[in-house]
Amino acid sequence: MQKILSVAVAIGILAAAALPAQARDTKHLLSIEDGLQESGSEAKLDGSVKFYFAGQKHPVVLKKFITDVSNLKTNAVGKSDEVACNWAFLSTLVAFEKKAKQLGANAVVNMVSYYKKDEMASATQFECHAGAVMAGVALKGEIVTISDK
């Protein structure tokens, strides 16, 4: 009887181990303004490129270069979801700034969150997904030259 019980317990343990692990993927809608103010991140914007999110008025577009996507993740270990998400958000903007400067552009307009290619348009919030180890932000926007008026 004891041997049957031991085998049953062993089978139960093996069956539980075979189940797929459920990783945390918490969706957050966070403030764009707060994300831009994140001071702990090593990512910094130099201000040479302006960002306009969906619905925000912007100067006249003089030239459109490309629509681009940036999808960056950051280490979330030891950080709150909000801090990790803000770091990823700022890093994503830095990537857009770098690409715009390479193309000779001075703005990114019509920016939307683009997590798993699902658009979430907001002038005040961005979407971030955080897990136990990583946090990620995906943004899509049009890299352009705008008038200075």
C-alpha atoms as a PDB file:
ATOM      1  CA  MET A   1       0.000   0.000   0.000  1.00  0.00           C
ATOM      2  CA  GLN A   2       2.825   2.385   0.885  1.00  0.00           C
ATOM      3  CA  LYS A   3       4.502   1.673  -2.458  1.00  0.00           C
ATOM      4  CA  ILE A   4       1.282   2.466  -4.364  1.00  0.00           C
ATOM      5  CA  LEU A   5       0.911   5.726  -2.418  1.00  0.00           C
ATOM      6  CA  SER A   6       4.529   6.692  -3.175  1.00  0.00           C
ATOM      7  CA  VAL A   7       4.035   5.994  -6.894  1.00  0.00           C
ATOM      8  CA  ALA A   8       0.801   8.034  -6.903  1.00  0.00           C
ATOM      9  CA  VAL A   9       2.545  10.977  -5.228  1.00  0.00           C
ATOM     10  CA  ALA A  10       5.438  10.757  -7.699  1.00  0.00           C
ATOM     11  CA  ILE A  11       3.022  10.721 -10.649  1.00  0.00           C
ATOM     12  CA  GLY A  12       1.203  13.739  -9.203  1.00  0.00           C
ATOM     13  CA  ILE A  13       4.440  15.673  -8.850  1.00  0.00           C
ATOM     14  CA  LEU A  14       5.513  14.824 -12.398  1.00  0.00           C
ATOM     15  CA  ALA A  15       2.105  15.804 -13.788  1.00  0.00           C
ATOM     16  CA  ALA A  16       2.224  19.155 -12.005  1.00  0.00           C
ATOM     17  CA  ALA A  17       5.750  19.799 -13.287  1.00  0.00           C
ATOM     18  CA  ALA A  18       4.617  19.079 -16.855  1.00  0.00           C
ATOM     19  CA  LEU A  19       1.999  21.867 -16.797  1.00  0.00           C
ATOM     20  CA  PRO A  20       3.117  25.038 -18.584  1.00  0.00           C
ATOM     21  CA  ALA A  21       4.361  27.775 -16.289  1.00  0.00           C
ATOM     22  CA  GLN A  22       2.184  30.874 -16.210  1.00  0.00           C
ATOM     23  CA  ALA A  23       4.420  33.921 -16.500  1.00  0.00           C
ATOM     24  CA  ARG A  24       3.144  37.227 -15.207  1.00  0.00           C
ATOM     25  CA  ASP A  25       2.194  39.729 -17.912  1.00  0.00           C
ATOM     26  CA  THR A  26       0.558  42.667 -16.170  1.00  0.00           C
ATOM     27  CA  LYS A  27      -0.816  45.394 -18.440  1.00  0.00           C
ATOM     28  CA  HIS A  28      -0.327  48.960 -17.223  1.00  0.00           C
ATOM     29  CA  LEU A  29      -1.585  52.228 -18.681  1.00  0.00           C
ATOM     30  CA  LEU A  30       0.811  54.868 -17.386  1.00  0.00           C
ATOM     31  CA  SER A  31       1.222  58.617 -17.699  1.00  0.00           C
ATOM     32  CA  ILE A  32       3.303  59.830 -20.647  1.00  0.00           C
ATOM     33  CA  GLU A  33       4.253  62.901 -18.615  1.00  0.00           C
ATOM     34  CA  ASP A  34       5.484  60.778 -15.693  1.00  0.00           C
ATOM     35  CA  GLY A  35       7.394  58.525 -18.086  1.00  0.00           C
ATOM     36  CA  LEU A  36       9.207  61.513 -19.530  1.00  0.00           C
ATOM     37  CA  GLN A  37      10.230  62.587 -16.019  1.00  0.00           C
ATOM     38  CA  GLU A  38      11.808  59.222 -15.052  1.00  0.00           C
ATOM     39  CA  SER A  39      15.129  60.265 -13.537  1.00  0.00           C
ATOM     40  CA  GLY A  40      16.577  56.876 -12.610  1.00  0.00           C
ATOM     41  CA  SER A  41      16.968  55.654 -16.172  1.00  0.00           C
ATOM     42  CA  GLU A  42      20.244  55.915 -18.019  1.00  0.00           C
ATOM     43  CA  ALA A  43      18.221  56.731 -21.153  1.00  0.00           C
ATOM     44  CA  LYS A  44      18.054  60.473 -21.793  1.00  0.00           C
ATOM     45  CA  LEU A  45      16.416  62.520 -24.516  1.00  0.00           C
ATOM     46  CA  ASP A  46      18.456  65.430 -25.884  1.00  0.00           C
ATOM     47  CA  GLY A  47      15.381  67.435 -26.946  1.00  0.00           C
ATOM     48  CA  SER A  48      16.301  67.682 -30.630  1.00  0.00           C
ATOM     49  CA  VAL A  49      13.243  65.617 -31.630  1.00  0.00           C
ATOM     50  CA  LYS A  50       9.682  66.485 -30.563  1.00  0.00           C
ATOM     51  CA  PHE A  51       7.116  63.785 -29.783  1.00  0.00           C
ATOM     52  CA  TYR A  52       3.383  64.068 -30.445  1.00  0.00           C
ATOM     53  CA  PHE A  53       1.092  61.281 -29.331  1.00  0.00           C
ATOM     54  CA  ALA A  54      -2.240  60.359 -30.930  1.00  0.00           C
ATOM     55  CA  GLY A  55      -4.656  63.258 -30.891  1.00  0.00           C
ATOM     56  CA  GLN A  56      -2.080  65.900 -29.981  1.00  0.00           C
ATOM     57  CA  LYS A  57      -1.899  68.940 -32.238  1.00  0.00           C
ATOM     58  CA  HIS A  58       1.449  69.423 -33.920  1.00  0.00           C
ATOM     59  CA  PRO A  59       2.947  71.868 -36.423  1.00  0.00           C
ATOM     60  CA  VAL A  60       2.520  71.228 -40.135  1.00  0.00           C
ATOM     61  CA  VAL A  61       4.356  68.165 -41.435  1.00  0.00           C
ATOM     62  CA  LEU A  62       6.773  69.240 -44.148  1.00  0.00           C
ATOM     63  CA  LYS A  63       8.158  65.790 -44.943  1.00  0.00           C
ATOM     64  CA  LYS A  64       7.280  62.253 -43.871  1.00  0.00           C
ATOM     65  CA  PHE A  65      10.151  59.786 -43.771  1.00  0.00           C
ATOM     66  CA  ILE A  66       8.790  56.496 -42.397  1.00  0.00           C
ATOM     67  CA  THR A  67       6.385  54.944 -39.951  1.00  0.00           C
ATOM     68  CA  ASP A  68       8.521  53.050 -37.467  1.00  0.00           C
ATOM     69  CA  VAL A  69       8.071  50.768 -34.464  1.00  0.00           C
ATOM     70  CA  SER A  70      10.293  50.522 -31.427  1.00  0.00           C
ATOM     71  CA  ASN A  71       9.766  47.662 -28.976  1.00  0.00           C
ATOM     72  CA  LEU A  72      12.144  47.738 -26.033  1.00  0.00           C
ATOM     73  CA  LYS A  73      12.300  45.885 -22.764  1.00  0.00           C
ATOM     74  CA  THR A  74      14.145  46.541 -19.531  1.00  0.00           C
ATOM     75  CA  ASN A  75      15.173  44.524 -16.528  1.00  0.00           C
ATOM     76  CA  ALA A  76      12.400  44.745 -13.936  1.00  0.00           C
ATOM     77  CA  VAL A  77      14.137  42.863 -11.132  1.00  0.00           C
ATOM     78  CA  GLY A  78      14.137  44.926  -7.951  1.00  0.00           C
ATOM     79  CA  LYS A  79      12.050  47.719  -9.523  1.00  0.00           C
ATOM     80  CA  SER A  80       8.376  48.493  -9.202  1.00  0.00           C
ATOM     81  CA  ASP A  81       6.380  47.874 -12.384  1.00  0.00           C
ATOM     82  CA  GLU A  82       5.892  51.622 -12.791  1.00  0.00           C
ATOM     83  CA  VAL A  83       9.607  52.426 -12.575  1.00  0.00           C
ATOM     84  CA  ALA A  84      10.535  49.589 -14.946  1.00  0.00           C
ATOM     85  CA  CYS A  85       7.808  50.632 -17.406  1.00  0.00           C
ATOM     86  CA  ASN A  86       8.939  54.260 -17.333  1.00  0.00           C
ATOM     87  CA  TRP A  87      12.508  53.154 -18.076  1.00  0.00           C
ATOM     88  CA  ALA A  88      11.321  51.065 -21.034  1.00  0.00           C
ATOM     89  CA  PHE A  89       9.148  53.966 -22.259  1.00  0.00           C
ATOM     90  CA  LEU A  90      12.012  56.450 -22.115  1.00  0.00           C
ATOM     91  CA  SER A  91      14.380  53.990 -23.829  1.00  0.00           C
ATOM     92  CA  THR A  92      11.827  53.522 -26.610  1.00  0.00           C
ATOM     93  CA  LEU A  93      11.638  57.287 -27.131  1.00  0.00           C
ATOM     94  CA  VAL A  94      15.441  57.497 -27.202  1.00  0.00           C
ATOM     95  CA  ALA A  95      15.444  54.880 -29.987  1.00  0.00           C
ATOM     96  CA  PHE A  96      12.928  56.984 -31.949  1.00  0.00           C
ATOM     97  CA  GLU A  97      15.017  60.118 -31.348  1.00  0.00           C
ATOM     98  CA  LYS A  98      18.145  58.386 -32.658  1.00  0.00           C
ATOM     99  CA  LYS A  99      16.343  57.092 -35.776  1.00  0.00           C
ATOM    100  CA  ALA A 100      14.787  60.513 -36.468  1.00  0.00           C
ATOM    101  CA  LYS A 101      18.166  62.237 -36.217  1.00  0.00           C
ATOM    102  CA  GLN A 102      19.715  59.669 -38.581  1.00  0.00           C
ATOM    103  CA  LEU A 103      16.991  60.462 -41.125  1.00  0.00           C
ATOM    104  CA  GLY A 104      17.275  64.239 -40.676  1.00  0.00           C
ATOM    105  CA  ALA A 105      13.823  64.512 -39.065  1.00  0.00           C
ATOM    106  CA  ASN A 106      12.850  66.658 -36.097  1.00  0.00           C
ATOM    107  CA  ALA A 107       9.643  65.011 -34.827  1.00  0.00           C
ATOM    108  CA  VAL A 108       7.669  61.832 -34.358  1.00  0.00           C
ATOM    109  CA  VAL A 109       3.902  62.300 -34.727  1.00  0.00           C
ATOM    110  CA  ASN A 110       0.785  60.179 -34.293  1.00  0.00           C
ATOM    111  CA  MET A 111       2.515  57.984 -31.735  1.00  0.00           C
ATOM    112  CA  VAL A 112       0.532  55.054 -30.356  1.00  0.00           C
ATOM    113  CA  SER A 113       1.258  52.125 -28.069  1.00  0.00           C
ATOM    114  CA  TYR A 114       1.702  49.033 -30.240  1.00  0.00           C
ATOM    115  CA  TYR A 115       2.017  46.045 -27.917  1.00  0.00           C
ATOM    116  CA  LYS A 116       1.729  42.783 -29.893  1.00  0.00           C
ATOM    117  CA  LYS A 117       0.688  44.964 -32.870  1.00  0.00           C
ATOM    118  CA  ASP A 118      -2.468  46.112 -31.071  1.00  0.00           C
ATOM    119  CA  GLU A 119      -2.775  49.895 -31.232  1.00  0.00           C
ATOM    120  CA  MET A 120      -3.761  51.852 -28.138  1.00  0.00           C
ATOM    121  CA  ALA A 121      -4.046  55.536 -28.978  1.00  0.00           C
ATOM    122  CA  SER A 122      -3.851  58.105 -26.193  1.00  0.00           C
ATOM    123  CA  ALA A 123      -2.465  61.612 -25.825  1.00  0.00           C
ATOM    124  CA  THR A 124      -1.839  61.064 -22.098  1.00  0.00           C
ATOM    125  CA  GLN A 125      -1.041  57.367 -21.497  1.00  0.00           C
ATOM    126  CA  PHE A 126       1.210  54.618 -22.824  1.00  0.00           C
ATOM    127  CA  GLU A 127       0.794  50.863 -22.491  1.00  0.00           C
ATOM    128  CA  CYS A 128       3.403  48.713 -20.781  1.00  0.00           C
ATOM    129  CA  HIS A 129       3.486  45.019 -19.924  1.00  0.00           C
ATOM    130  CA  ALA A 130       5.471  43.916 -16.890  1.00  0.00           C
ATOM    131  CA  GLY A 131       6.506  40.502 -15.675  1.00  0.00           C
ATOM    132  CA  ALA A 132       8.632  39.219 -12.839  1.00  0.00           C
ATOM    133  CA  VAL A 133      11.866  39.811 -14.751  1.00  0.00           C
ATOM    134  CA  MET A 134      11.163  42.166 -17.688  1.00  0.00           C
ATOM    135  CA  ALA A 135       8.969  45.139 -18.591  1.00  0.00           C
ATOM    136  CA  GLY A 136       8.337  46.207 -22.171  1.00  0.00           C
ATOM    137  CA  VAL A 137       6.924  49.087 -24.179  1.00  0.00           C
ATOM    138  CA  ALA A 138       6.185  49.105 -27.901  1.00  0.00           C
ATOM    139  CA  LEU A 139       5.418  52.357 -29.712  1.00  0.00           C
ATOM    140  CA  LYS A 140       4.629  53.184 -33.337  1.00  0.00           C
ATOM    141  CA  GLY A 141       4.937  56.621 -34.879  1.00  0.00           C
ATOM    142  CA  GLU A 142       5.593  58.605 -38.041  1.00  0.00           C
ATOM    143  CA  ILE A 143       9.074  60.098 -38.275  1.00  0.00           C
ATOM    144  CA  VAL A 144       8.725  63.513 -39.916  1.00  0.00           C
ATOM    145  CA  THR A 145      10.055  67.009 -40.332  1.00  0.00           C
ATOM    146  CA  ILE A 146       7.670  69.620 -38.962  1.00  0.00           C
ATOM    147  CA  SER A 147       7.667  73.360 -39.436  1.00  0.00           C
ATOM    148  CA  ASP A 148       9.092  75.367 -36.577  1.00  0.00           C
ATOM    149  CA  LYS A 149       5.889  77.413 -36.251  1.00  0.00           C
END
